[in-house]
Amino acid sequence: MKIYPIETGNFKLDGGAMFGVVPKTIWQRTNPADSNNLIEMSMRCMLIEDGDRLTLVDTGLGAKQSDKFYSYYYLFGDFSLDISLAKLGFHRDDITDVFLTHLHFDHCGGVIERTKDGMLIPAFKNAKVWSNDRHWKWATEPNPREKASFLKENINPIKESGQLNFIHSNSMDQVGFDVLFMDGHTEKQMLPKLTYQDKTLVFMADLLPTTGHIPLPYVMGYDTRPLLTIKEKGNFLKEAADHNYYLFLEHDAHNEICTLKHTEKGVRLKETHKFTDIFN
């Protein structure tokens, strides 16, 4: 098995929305904001090469939305999915599986592309696309709070393509790795958990967006059940500190991997690393 970080792009979000009830005077120490109160975010995906399978975990925003849509998110930098794949010698047609942690647009937007004549088609024509039935129902019958994050043009064409598959009880048999289900951010978000080079690696998606979100009350305003997020995050971070998990950060623009430690104030950041400093 080989695992690679895949940078698909950077964007900015409102710092207050990203930290919920935590005051800016506190959260800006770890996530400094610009003059518009925006903080830098990444859309760092994970590529898993395992035998004849090549699995992409999440896809970033994609490139099919309007300029007006993208203007809301202040895209910056030169990263793209195709460029990142090409640097590793891969093409999107090589992808056999696309695993979507959840169906918010910054995680699944790249799974469908728009042709020049306006048709919506699969971006990964040879891949199975993995979600789960409870999250799919949640996303296709959205609540008012999340409706703007579940875009029909990202979601409906997946089913229409015939590529949609659901994770059930034994994810190892289906996708080749364990899956942790979390319900605080959105219903049945899925976090890949892998043993890689004798270490435990967990793809954090939106359970832990950045290292600045490690303290328990630091919960995004986007979470549908913030008290449940605190419980889920608390249980997971304790386990991660106990067993020295390596946490793969999807949204932290400056840190790819982090580890945790126990302190008198609770679980806190131990170290940050570049992916290639830990895994070769």
Protein backbone atom coordinates (compact mmCIF):
# COMPACT_ATOMS: atom_id res chain seq x y z
CA MET A 1 0.00 0.00 0.00
CA LYS A 2 1.05 3.57 -0.75
CA ILE A 3 -0.74 6.68 0.46
CA TYR A 4 -0.33 10.19 -0.91
CA PRO A 5 -1.75 13.60 0.06
CA ILE A 6 -3.56 15.22 -2.88
CA GLU A 7 -3.85 19.01 -2.79
CA THR A 8 -6.93 20.09 -4.75
CA GLY A 9 -7.01 23.78 -3.88
CA ASN A 10 -7.21 26.39 -1.15
CA PHE A 11 -10.09 28.61 -0.14
CA LYS A 12 -11.16 30.91 2.66
CA LEU A 13 -14.06 30.77 5.10
CA ASP A 14 -15.36 33.11 7.76
CA GLY A 15 -13.36 32.53 10.93
CA GLY A 16 -16.35 33.09 13.19
CA ALA A 17 -18.35 30.43 11.35
CA MET A 18 -15.40 28.05 11.62
CA PHE A 19 -15.13 28.43 15.40
CA GLY A 20 -18.73 28.87 16.53
CA VAL A 21 -19.02 30.32 20.02
CA VAL A 22 -15.26 30.75 20.53
CA PRO A 23 -14.31 34.47 20.43
CA LYS A 24 -12.04 35.75 17.68
CA THR A 25 -9.53 37.02 20.25
CA ILE A 26 -8.88 33.36 21.09
CA TRP A 27 -9.17 31.49 17.78
CA GLN A 28 -7.07 33.98 15.80
CA ARG A 29 -4.01 32.89 17.79
CA THR A 30 -3.95 29.64 15.82
CA ASN A 31 -5.92 30.63 12.72
CA PRO A 32 -5.20 34.29 11.92
CA ALA A 33 -7.86 36.06 9.89
CA ASP A 34 -7.46 38.57 7.08
CA SER A 35 -9.13 41.98 6.96
CA ASN A 36 -12.42 40.33 5.94
CA ASN A 37 -12.35 37.94 8.92
CA LEU A 38 -11.53 35.02 6.58
CA ILE A 39 -9.14 32.19 7.45
CA GLU A 40 -7.13 30.04 5.07
CA MET A 41 -8.37 26.52 4.39
CA SER A 42 -7.16 23.60 2.30
CA MET A 43 -9.03 20.85 0.47
CA ARG A 44 -6.41 18.14 0.97
CA CYS A 45 -7.57 14.75 -0.22
CA MET A 46 -5.99 11.32 0.23
CA LEU A 47 -4.99 8.85 -2.48
CA ILE A 48 -4.64 5.20 -1.49
CA GLU A 49 -2.81 2.85 -3.89
CA ASP A 50 -3.42 -0.73 -2.81
CA GLY A 51 -2.82 -3.49 -5.35
CA ASP A 52 -5.06 -2.89 -8.36
CA ARG A 53 -7.20 -0.34 -6.47
CA LEU A 54 -6.60 3.39 -6.50
CA THR A 55 -8.93 5.11 -4.04
CA LEU A 56 -9.42 8.86 -3.77
CA VAL A 57 -10.83 10.10 -0.47
CA ASP A 58 -12.87 13.25 -1.17
CA THR A 59 -12.47 15.39 -4.28
CA GLY A 60 -12.45 19.07 -3.34
CA LEU A 61 -14.67 21.74 -4.90
CA GLY A 62 -14.30 20.76 -8.53
CA ALA A 63 -14.39 23.26 -11.37
CA LYS A 64 -17.97 23.28 -12.65
CA GLN A 65 -19.53 26.08 -10.60
CA SER A 66 -19.94 29.68 -11.72
CA ASP A 67 -17.41 32.42 -11.13
CA LYS A 68 -19.95 34.02 -8.79
CA PHE A 69 -20.10 30.84 -6.69
CA TYR A 70 -16.32 30.62 -6.41
CA SER A 71 -16.06 34.31 -5.54
CA TYR A 72 -17.75 33.56 -2.21
CA TYR A 73 -14.86 31.29 -1.21
CA TYR A 74 -11.83 33.35 -2.28
CA LEU A 75 -9.90 30.56 -3.97
CA PHE A 76 -6.14 31.03 -3.93
CA GLY A 77 -2.96 29.15 -4.84
CA ASP A 78 -2.02 26.89 -7.74
CA PHE A 79 -3.18 23.48 -6.50
CA SER A 80 -5.59 21.33 -8.48
CA LEU A 81 -6.65 17.70 -8.39
CA ASP A 82 -5.36 16.92 -11.87
CA ILE A 83 -1.99 18.58 -11.29
CA SER A 84 -1.53 16.74 -7.99
CA LEU A 85 -2.40 13.39 -9.59
CA ALA A 86 -0.09 14.04 -12.55
CA LYS A 87 2.86 14.78 -10.25
CA LEU A 88 2.47 11.23 -8.93
CA GLY A 89 2.11 9.72 -12.40
CA PHE A 90 -1.66 9.22 -12.19
CA HIS A 91 -4.70 10.40 -14.14
CA ARG A 92 -8.28 10.65 -12.93
CA ASP A 93 -9.18 7.75 -15.25
CA ASP A 94 -6.88 5.55 -13.11
CA ILE A 95 -9.09 6.05 -10.05
CA THR A 96 -11.05 2.88 -9.23
CA ASP A 97 -12.86 4.15 -6.12
CA VAL A 98 -13.95 7.57 -4.87
CA PHE A 99 -14.76 7.58 -1.16
CA LEU A 100 -16.78 10.61 -0.05
CA THR A 101 -16.61 11.39 3.66
CA HIS A 102 -19.82 13.39 3.19
CA LEU A 103 -21.62 15.29 0.47
CA HIS A 104 -20.94 18.93 1.35
CA PHE A 105 -19.76 20.72 -1.78
CA ASP A 106 -16.14 21.24 -0.67
CA HIS A 107 -15.77 17.47 -0.23
CA CYS A 108 -17.65 16.08 -3.21
CA GLY A 109 -17.76 18.89 -5.77
CA GLY A 110 -15.07 17.32 -7.93
CA VAL A 111 -16.85 14.01 -8.43
CA ILE A 112 -19.05 15.44 -11.21
CA GLU A 113 -17.89 17.74 -14.01
CA ARG A 114 -19.73 19.90 -16.51
CA THR A 115 -19.03 19.52 -20.23
CA LYS A 116 -18.79 22.49 -22.60
CA ASP A 117 -22.40 21.92 -23.64
CA GLY A 118 -23.58 21.92 -20.03
CA MET A 119 -23.94 18.18 -19.42
CA LEU A 120 -23.12 16.85 -15.94
CA ILE A 121 -20.96 13.73 -16.20
CA PRO A 122 -18.76 11.64 -13.89
CA ALA A 123 -15.28 13.07 -13.44
CA PHE A 124 -13.93 9.59 -12.64
CA LYS A 125 -15.42 7.43 -15.34
CA ASN A 126 -13.89 4.15 -14.14
CA ALA A 127 -14.61 4.53 -10.42
CA LYS A 128 -17.14 3.30 -7.93
CA VAL A 129 -18.36 6.17 -5.74
CA TRP A 130 -18.89 5.36 -2.05
CA SER A 131 -21.32 7.01 0.37
CA ASN A 132 -23.75 5.45 2.87
CA ASP A 133 -27.51 5.14 2.75
CA ARG A 134 -28.31 7.29 5.80
CA HIS A 135 -26.09 10.15 4.73
CA TRP A 136 -27.38 9.90 1.16
CA LYS A 137 -30.96 10.26 2.39
CA TRP A 138 -29.89 13.17 4.61
CA ALA A 139 -28.22 14.94 1.68
CA THR A 140 -30.98 14.35 -0.88
CA GLU A 141 -33.70 15.45 1.55
CA PRO A 142 -31.75 18.31 3.13
CA ASN A 143 -32.69 20.32 6.18
CA PRO A 144 -32.80 24.13 5.80
CA ARG A 145 -29.54 24.56 7.71
CA GLU A 146 -27.50 22.41 5.32
CA LYS A 147 -29.39 22.84 2.06
CA ALA A 148 -26.87 25.31 0.67
CA SER A 149 -24.07 22.79 1.20
CA PHE A 150 -25.81 19.88 -0.56
CA LEU A 151 -25.83 20.90 -4.21
CA LYS A 152 -28.03 18.85 -6.51
CA GLU A 153 -25.57 19.13 -9.38
CA ASN A 154 -22.95 17.40 -7.22
CA ILE A 155 -25.18 14.67 -5.86
CA ASN A 156 -27.95 13.59 -8.24
CA PRO A 157 -25.65 12.75 -11.19
CA ILE A 158 -23.74 10.27 -9.01
CA LYS A 159 -26.81 8.06 -8.74
CA GLU A 160 -27.78 8.65 -12.37
CA SER A 161 -24.32 7.49 -13.47
CA GLY A 162 -24.76 4.06 -11.88
CA GLN A 163 -21.52 4.53 -9.93
CA LEU A 164 -23.11 4.98 -6.49
CA ASN A 165 -22.35 2.37 -3.81
CA PHE A 166 -23.14 2.37 -0.10
CA ILE A 167 -20.85 1.40 2.75
CA HIS A 168 -22.50 -1.15 5.02
CA SER A 169 -21.32 -3.00 8.12
CA ASN A 170 -17.98 -4.34 6.90
CA SER A 171 -16.17 -1.51 5.16
CA MET A 172 -12.92 -3.47 5.03
CA ASP A 173 -14.49 -5.88 2.54
CA GLN A 174 -15.86 -3.02 0.45
CA VAL A 175 -13.16 -0.36 0.37
CA GLY A 176 -10.20 -1.98 2.12
CA PHE A 177 -10.08 0.12 5.29
CA ASP A 178 -12.04 0.76 8.46
CA VAL A 179 -14.57 3.60 8.64
CA LEU A 180 -15.54 5.67 11.68
CA PHE A 181 -19.05 7.15 11.55
CA MET A 182 -19.65 10.58 13.10
CA ASP A 183 -22.99 12.40 13.38
CA GLY A 184 -22.20 15.79 14.92
CA HIS A 185 -21.17 17.67 11.79
CA THR A 186 -23.69 15.96 9.54
CA GLU A 187 -25.52 12.64 9.56
CA LYS A 188 -23.10 9.70 9.15
CA GLN A 189 -19.93 11.49 8.12
CA MET A 190 -17.32 8.78 7.40
CA LEU A 191 -13.66 8.94 8.48
CA PRO A 192 -11.21 6.43 6.94
CA LYS A 193 -8.96 4.71 9.49
CA LEU A 194 -5.96 2.82 8.15
CA THR A 195 -2.90 0.98 9.38
CA TYR A 196 -0.04 2.27 7.26
CA GLN A 197 3.65 1.63 7.78
CA ASP A 198 2.89 0.27 11.27
CA LYS A 199 1.08 3.46 12.27
CA THR A 200 -2.61 4.32 12.61
CA LEU A 201 -3.63 7.05 10.18
CA VAL A 202 -7.07 8.67 10.35
CA PHE A 203 -8.49 11.03 7.72
CA MET A 204 -10.18 13.70 9.82
CA ALA A 205 -12.54 15.37 7.30
CA ASP A 206 -14.71 17.80 9.33
CA LEU A 207 -14.42 16.21 12.77
CA LEU A 208 -11.14 18.11 13.18
CA PRO A 209 -10.81 20.76 10.46
CA THR A 210 -7.52 22.29 11.71
CA THR A 211 -5.14 21.94 14.63
CA GLY A 212 -6.84 25.06 16.02
CA HIS A 213 -10.00 23.00 16.59
CA ILE A 214 -8.49 20.52 19.05
CA PRO A 215 -9.95 22.00 22.29
CA LEU A 216 -13.40 20.52 22.79
CA PRO A 217 -15.53 23.71 22.65
CA TYR A 218 -13.90 24.76 19.36
CA VAL A 219 -16.70 23.50 17.12
CA MET A 220 -17.73 24.87 13.75
CA GLY A 221 -20.90 26.88 13.39
CA TYR A 222 -21.63 24.61 10.42
CA ASP A 223 -22.13 21.54 12.62
CA THR A 224 -25.73 20.40 12.87
CA ARG A 225 -25.35 18.88 16.35
CA PRO A 226 -22.53 20.77 18.12
CA LEU A 227 -22.98 19.05 21.48
CA LEU A 228 -22.69 15.68 19.76
CA THR A 229 -19.57 16.89 17.95
CA ILE A 230 -18.03 17.73 21.32
CA LYS A 231 -18.80 14.23 22.60
CA GLU A 232 -17.57 12.48 19.44
CA LYS A 233 -14.46 14.62 19.23
CA GLY A 234 -13.68 14.15 22.91
CA ASN A 235 -13.91 10.37 22.67
CA PHE A 236 -11.87 10.23 19.50
CA LEU A 237 -9.13 12.65 20.59
CA LYS A 238 -8.62 10.71 23.83
CA GLU A 239 -8.23 7.50 21.84
CA ALA A 240 -5.89 9.21 19.38
CA ALA A 241 -3.67 10.55 22.18
CA ASP A 242 -3.71 7.19 24.00
CA HIS A 243 -2.59 5.27 20.92
CA ASN A 244 -0.50 7.89 19.09
CA TYR A 245 -2.68 8.13 16.00
CA TYR A 246 -1.51 10.23 13.09
CA LEU A 247 -4.29 12.58 12.01
CA PHE A 248 -4.53 13.56 8.34
CA LEU A 249 -5.93 17.10 8.19
CA GLU A 250 -8.13 17.86 5.19
CA HIS A 251 -8.77 21.55 5.87
CA ASP A 252 -5.66 22.79 7.65
CA ALA A 253 -3.85 24.96 5.09
CA HIS A 254 -0.56 24.80 6.97
CA ASN A 255 -0.40 21.36 8.63
CA GLU A 256 -0.81 18.01 6.89
CA ILE A 257 -0.43 15.65 9.86
CA CYS A 258 -0.71 16.10 13.60
CA THR A 259 -0.38 14.01 16.74
CA LEU A 260 -1.92 14.62 20.16
CA LYS A 261 -0.98 14.41 23.83
CA HIS A 262 -2.74 14.49 27.19
CA THR A 263 -2.27 17.63 29.31
CA GLU A 264 -3.80 19.10 32.46
CA LYS A 265 -6.14 21.08 30.19
CA GLY A 266 -7.19 18.01 28.21
CA VAL A 267 -5.97 16.65 24.90
CA ARG A 268 -3.80 19.12 23.07
CA LEU A 269 -1.53 19.28 20.03
CA LYS A 270 1.68 17.30 20.34
CA GLU A 271 3.40 17.76 16.97
CA THR A 272 2.68 18.68 13.38
CA HIS A 273 4.40 17.10 10.40
CA LYS A 274 4.60 17.06 6.66
CA PHE A 275 3.16 13.78 5.41
CA THR A 276 6.48 12.76 3.86
CA ASP A 277 8.34 13.38 7.14
CA ILE A 278 6.43 10.49 8.69
CA PHE A 279 5.55 8.20 5.79
CA ASN A 280 7.94 7.27 3.01
